[in-house]
Amino acid sequence: MTATSLELLNAHMAGAGRAGQGDSHWQRYLAPVAALSHDMPVPILGFMLRIWHMRERDLQVYFPLQSLQEKLDFIAWCILHGQREYRAFDTAELFWNAVDSPVGAGLAQDADDPLHALSWRIVLLTRGRRDLGFDSGTRQGRAALLLWYLEHGSAELGPQAGALRDWQRDFLRAPSAIPGLNRLQALVQAARPDLGAAFPLPQALPAYLAWFEQFIGSAAGIGAALDPQ
């Protein structure tokens, strides 16, 4: 950024950017800061920049907002910590709609690729977890990330993990390329080599489906994720 954070904030609150001249002062806080949000999957809103500007000892040090990675890390902080500290996030509908939008929108992966169930919330909340080590550049890594989030996300990340959106549940419940299995059943089957040995398909399809029902019953995170909130 060539302008300082205070200059960006002042220009934004004065009405510079994308919003119309009729916008009230408080609405500018809920609008994207154009200089920080250009080409970003999730926008940085006016009040988020205001929070960042007030916290020179931590947020400005950890997230200088110079690079794409620093902006994404700041947004991840907002999802995981900021919303618990600042009530302004409760009314930031534009922000949350972007957070829960598909990562793979418009990309040409096949219909069963787990990418189609990944939201920016999932990607951003796990980007700082070096212990997880998921390679989202591969289909296998995306499948592992998605299954981890479904099974353990709520327990490890708390309410900030959020509920799945309808488009995610629709993807998981839709028929997969494997006859008789929906996409979630196919994901679990592919992720567990022992299941392939125990339930060779298609001969053991009924036995696998029976096992899967027991698995869902014991995997509280997955069951809760599939139920509309």
Protein backbone atom coordinates (compact mmCIF):
# COMPACT_ATOMS: atom_id res chain seq x y z
CA MET A 1 0.00 0.00 0.00
CA THR A 2 1.31 3.46 -0.83
CA ALA A 3 -1.24 5.24 1.37
CA THR A 4 -1.07 4.89 5.13
CA SER A 5 -3.77 2.95 6.96
CA LEU A 6 -5.18 6.18 8.40
CA GLU A 7 -5.32 7.78 4.95
CA LEU A 8 -7.12 4.72 3.59
CA LEU A 9 -9.59 4.79 6.47
CA ASN A 10 -10.23 8.52 6.16
CA ALA A 11 -10.73 8.27 2.41
CA HIS A 12 -13.06 5.32 2.82
CA MET A 13 -15.17 7.02 5.48
CA ALA A 14 -15.32 10.20 3.38
CA GLY A 15 -17.05 8.21 0.64
CA ALA A 16 -14.19 7.34 -1.68
CA GLY A 17 -14.52 3.91 -3.24
CA ARG A 18 -17.43 1.96 -4.62
CA ALA A 19 -20.38 3.08 -2.51
CA GLY A 20 -22.72 5.85 -3.61
CA GLN A 21 -22.68 9.40 -2.29
CA GLY A 22 -25.90 8.80 -0.39
CA ASP A 23 -24.34 6.26 1.96
CA SER A 24 -24.58 7.19 5.61
CA HIS A 25 -21.48 7.25 7.78
CA TRP A 26 -22.19 3.95 9.54
CA GLN A 27 -22.88 2.18 6.25
CA ARG A 28 -19.36 2.99 5.13
CA TYR A 29 -18.07 0.89 8.01
CA LEU A 30 -19.90 -2.10 6.51
CA ALA A 31 -18.62 -1.51 2.96
CA PRO A 32 -15.41 -2.98 1.49
CA VAL A 33 -12.27 -0.86 1.57
CA ALA A 34 -11.50 -0.86 -2.14
CA ALA A 35 -7.71 -0.55 -1.83
CA LEU A 36 -7.55 -3.60 0.47
CA SER A 37 -10.31 -5.72 -1.05
CA HIS A 38 -9.42 -5.66 -4.74
CA ASP A 39 -9.05 -9.24 -6.05
CA MET A 40 -9.65 -10.63 -2.56
CA PRO A 41 -12.06 -13.58 -2.10
CA VAL A 42 -13.29 -12.01 1.15
CA PRO A 43 -13.43 -8.22 1.55
CA ILE A 44 -11.90 -6.15 4.32
CA LEU A 45 -14.66 -3.82 5.50
CA GLY A 46 -14.35 -0.33 6.92
CA PHE A 47 -14.89 -1.31 10.54
CA MET A 48 -12.30 -4.10 10.20
CA LEU A 49 -9.70 -1.56 9.09
CA ARG A 50 -10.77 0.65 12.01
CA ILE A 51 -10.18 -2.24 14.44
CA TRP A 52 -6.81 -2.93 12.81
CA HIS A 53 -5.82 0.74 13.06
CA MET A 54 -6.64 0.87 16.79
CA ARG A 55 -4.46 -2.14 17.61
CA GLU A 56 -0.96 -1.09 16.68
CA ARG A 57 0.70 -3.44 19.17
CA ASP A 58 -0.73 -6.69 17.89
CA LEU A 59 -2.80 -6.63 14.69
CA GLN A 60 -0.60 -4.11 12.90
CA VAL A 61 2.49 -6.09 13.88
CA TYR A 62 1.14 -9.54 12.97
CA PHE A 63 -0.81 -8.46 9.87
CA PRO A 64 0.80 -5.48 8.07
CA LEU A 65 -1.77 -5.83 5.25
CA GLN A 66 0.90 -5.41 2.60
CA SER A 67 0.66 -8.80 0.90
CA LEU A 68 -2.16 -11.15 -0.06
CA GLN A 69 -1.03 -13.61 2.61
CA GLU A 70 -1.09 -10.94 5.34
CA LYS A 71 -4.60 -9.88 4.33
CA LEU A 72 -5.84 -13.47 4.34
CA ASP A 73 -4.27 -14.05 7.76
CA PHE A 74 -6.00 -10.91 9.09
CA ILE A 75 -9.34 -12.13 7.73
CA ALA A 76 -8.74 -15.50 9.39
CA TRP A 77 -8.12 -13.65 12.67
CA CYS A 78 -11.40 -11.79 12.21
CA ILE A 79 -13.29 -15.07 11.75
CA LEU A 80 -11.66 -16.89 14.64
CA HIS A 81 -11.13 -14.09 17.17
CA GLY A 82 -12.47 -10.77 15.92
CA GLN A 83 -16.11 -11.77 15.89
CA ARG A 84 -15.84 -12.79 19.56
CA GLU A 85 -14.40 -9.41 20.52
CA TYR A 86 -16.39 -6.97 18.37
CA ARG A 87 -20.16 -6.91 17.96
CA ALA A 88 -19.82 -5.11 14.63
CA PHE A 89 -19.24 -8.48 12.99
CA ASP A 90 -22.82 -9.45 13.88
CA THR A 91 -24.15 -7.09 11.20
CA ALA A 92 -21.45 -7.69 8.57
CA GLU A 93 -23.63 -9.75 6.22
CA LEU A 94 -21.47 -8.96 3.18
CA PHE A 95 -18.40 -10.29 4.98
CA TRP A 96 -20.02 -13.53 6.17
CA ASN A 97 -21.60 -14.26 2.79
CA ALA A 98 -18.12 -14.06 1.25
CA VAL A 99 -16.59 -16.17 4.05
CA ASP A 100 -19.12 -18.92 3.37
CA SER A 101 -18.91 -18.78 -0.42
CA PRO A 102 -17.39 -21.64 -2.47
CA VAL A 103 -13.63 -21.68 -2.99
CA GLY A 104 -14.03 -23.58 -6.24
CA ALA A 105 -16.64 -21.41 -7.94
CA GLY A 106 -15.96 -21.40 -11.67
CA LEU A 107 -13.09 -23.89 -11.53
CA ALA A 108 -13.12 -26.91 -13.81
CA GLN A 109 -12.65 -29.80 -11.38
CA ASP A 110 -14.88 -32.86 -11.87
CA ALA A 111 -18.25 -32.88 -10.16
CA ASP A 112 -17.17 -35.09 -7.24
CA ASP A 113 -14.04 -33.11 -6.35
CA PRO A 114 -14.15 -32.13 -2.63
CA LEU A 115 -13.14 -28.61 -3.70
CA HIS A 116 -16.82 -28.01 -4.46
CA ALA A 117 -17.69 -28.34 -0.75
CA LEU A 118 -14.89 -26.12 0.55
CA SER A 119 -15.79 -22.61 1.66
CA TRP A 120 -13.39 -19.77 2.35
CA ARG A 121 -14.22 -20.21 6.04
CA ILE A 122 -12.82 -23.75 5.97
CA VAL A 123 -9.70 -22.75 4.05
CA LEU A 124 -8.97 -19.64 6.13
CA LEU A 125 -9.58 -21.21 9.54
CA THR A 126 -7.19 -24.05 8.79
CA ARG A 127 -4.46 -22.11 6.97
CA GLY A 128 -2.70 -21.36 10.26
CA ARG A 129 -2.81 -24.96 11.47
CA ARG A 130 0.62 -26.16 10.37
CA ASP A 131 0.04 -29.38 12.32
CA LEU A 132 -2.71 -30.45 9.93
CA GLY A 133 -0.53 -30.46 6.84
CA PHE A 134 -3.31 -30.79 4.25
CA ASP A 135 -2.20 -30.17 0.68
CA SER A 136 -5.20 -28.43 -0.83
CA GLY A 137 -3.45 -28.53 -4.19
CA THR A 138 -4.31 -32.22 -4.52
CA ARG A 139 -7.67 -33.94 -4.56
CA GLN A 140 -6.58 -36.28 -1.77
CA GLY A 141 -5.50 -33.32 0.35
CA ARG A 142 -8.80 -31.51 -0.24
CA ALA A 143 -10.73 -34.64 0.75
CA ALA A 144 -8.68 -34.97 3.94
CA LEU A 145 -9.24 -31.29 4.79
CA LEU A 146 -12.99 -31.54 4.23
CA LEU A 147 -13.39 -34.72 6.29
CA TRP A 148 -11.26 -33.30 9.13
CA TYR A 149 -13.37 -30.15 9.19
CA LEU A 150 -16.63 -32.09 9.22
CA GLU A 151 -15.52 -34.43 11.99
CA HIS A 152 -13.34 -32.19 14.16
CA GLY A 153 -13.88 -28.56 13.12
CA SER A 154 -16.56 -27.70 15.66
CA ALA A 155 -14.74 -29.42 18.53
CA GLU A 156 -11.39 -27.74 17.81
CA LEU A 157 -12.49 -24.36 16.45
CA GLY A 158 -15.69 -23.82 18.42
CA PRO A 159 -18.70 -21.86 17.12
CA GLN A 160 -16.42 -20.02 14.70
CA ALA A 161 -16.38 -23.19 12.60
CA GLY A 162 -19.94 -22.29 11.66
CA ALA A 163 -22.66 -24.42 10.15
CA LEU A 164 -22.50 -25.77 6.63
CA ARG A 165 -24.44 -23.81 4.06
CA ASP A 166 -27.15 -25.48 1.97
CA TRP A 167 -24.85 -25.67 -1.08
CA GLN A 168 -22.33 -27.69 0.95
CA ARG A 169 -24.92 -30.11 2.34
CA ASP A 170 -26.41 -30.50 -1.15
CA PHE A 171 -22.98 -31.42 -2.53
CA LEU A 172 -22.32 -34.03 0.17
CA ARG A 173 -25.76 -35.65 -0.17
CA ALA A 174 -25.75 -35.78 -3.97
CA PRO A 175 -25.04 -39.10 -5.77
CA SER A 176 -21.36 -39.74 -6.43
CA ALA A 177 -19.73 -41.41 -9.42
CA ILE A 178 -19.77 -44.67 -7.41
CA PRO A 179 -23.19 -46.29 -7.88
CA GLY A 180 -25.16 -46.45 -4.64
CA LEU A 181 -23.02 -43.94 -2.71
CA ASN A 182 -23.54 -40.26 -2.12
CA ARG A 183 -20.48 -38.01 -2.15
CA LEU A 184 -19.93 -38.08 1.59
CA GLN A 185 -20.12 -41.86 1.67
CA ALA A 186 -17.67 -42.02 -1.24
CA LEU A 187 -15.30 -39.56 0.48
CA VAL A 188 -15.19 -41.61 3.67
CA GLN A 189 -14.74 -44.85 1.72
CA ALA A 190 -11.85 -43.39 -0.31
CA ALA A 191 -10.15 -41.93 2.77
CA ARG A 192 -10.05 -45.25 4.62
CA PRO A 193 -8.06 -47.99 2.84
CA ASP A 194 -9.27 -50.48 5.46
CA LEU A 195 -12.84 -49.92 4.31
CA GLY A 196 -11.98 -50.91 0.76
CA ALA A 197 -10.60 -54.18 2.06
CA ALA A 198 -13.48 -54.81 4.46
CA PHE A 199 -16.24 -53.77 2.05
CA PRO A 200 -15.18 -54.37 -1.57
CA LEU A 201 -17.60 -52.61 -3.87
CA PRO A 202 -20.03 -53.23 -5.43
CA GLN A 203 -20.48 -56.65 -3.81
CA ALA A 204 -20.40 -55.36 -0.23
CA LEU A 205 -22.37 -52.16 -0.83
CA PRO A 206 -25.20 -53.02 1.63
CA ALA A 207 -22.67 -53.92 4.34
CA TYR A 208 -20.73 -50.68 3.78
CA LEU A 209 -23.90 -48.58 3.96
CA ALA A 210 -24.83 -50.27 7.24
CA TRP A 211 -21.34 -49.53 8.59
CA PHE A 212 -21.62 -45.94 7.40
CA GLU A 213 -24.85 -45.37 9.33
CA GLN A 214 -23.14 -46.55 12.52
CA PHE A 215 -20.14 -44.35 11.73
CA ILE A 216 -22.30 -41.25 11.29
CA GLY A 217 -24.01 -42.03 14.57
CA SER A 218 -20.68 -42.08 16.39
CA ALA A 219 -19.05 -39.20 14.49
CA ALA A 220 -20.99 -36.43 16.18
CA GLY A 221 -19.27 -33.68 14.21
CA ILE A 222 -20.28 -35.05 10.82
CA GLY A 223 -23.85 -35.72 11.92
CA ALA A 224 -24.22 -32.21 13.29
CA ALA A 225 -22.68 -30.68 10.18
CA LEU A 226 -25.25 -32.36 7.94
CA ASP A 227 -28.23 -31.21 9.99
CA PRO A 228 -29.58 -27.76 9.07
CA GLN A 229 -29.04 -25.30 11.91
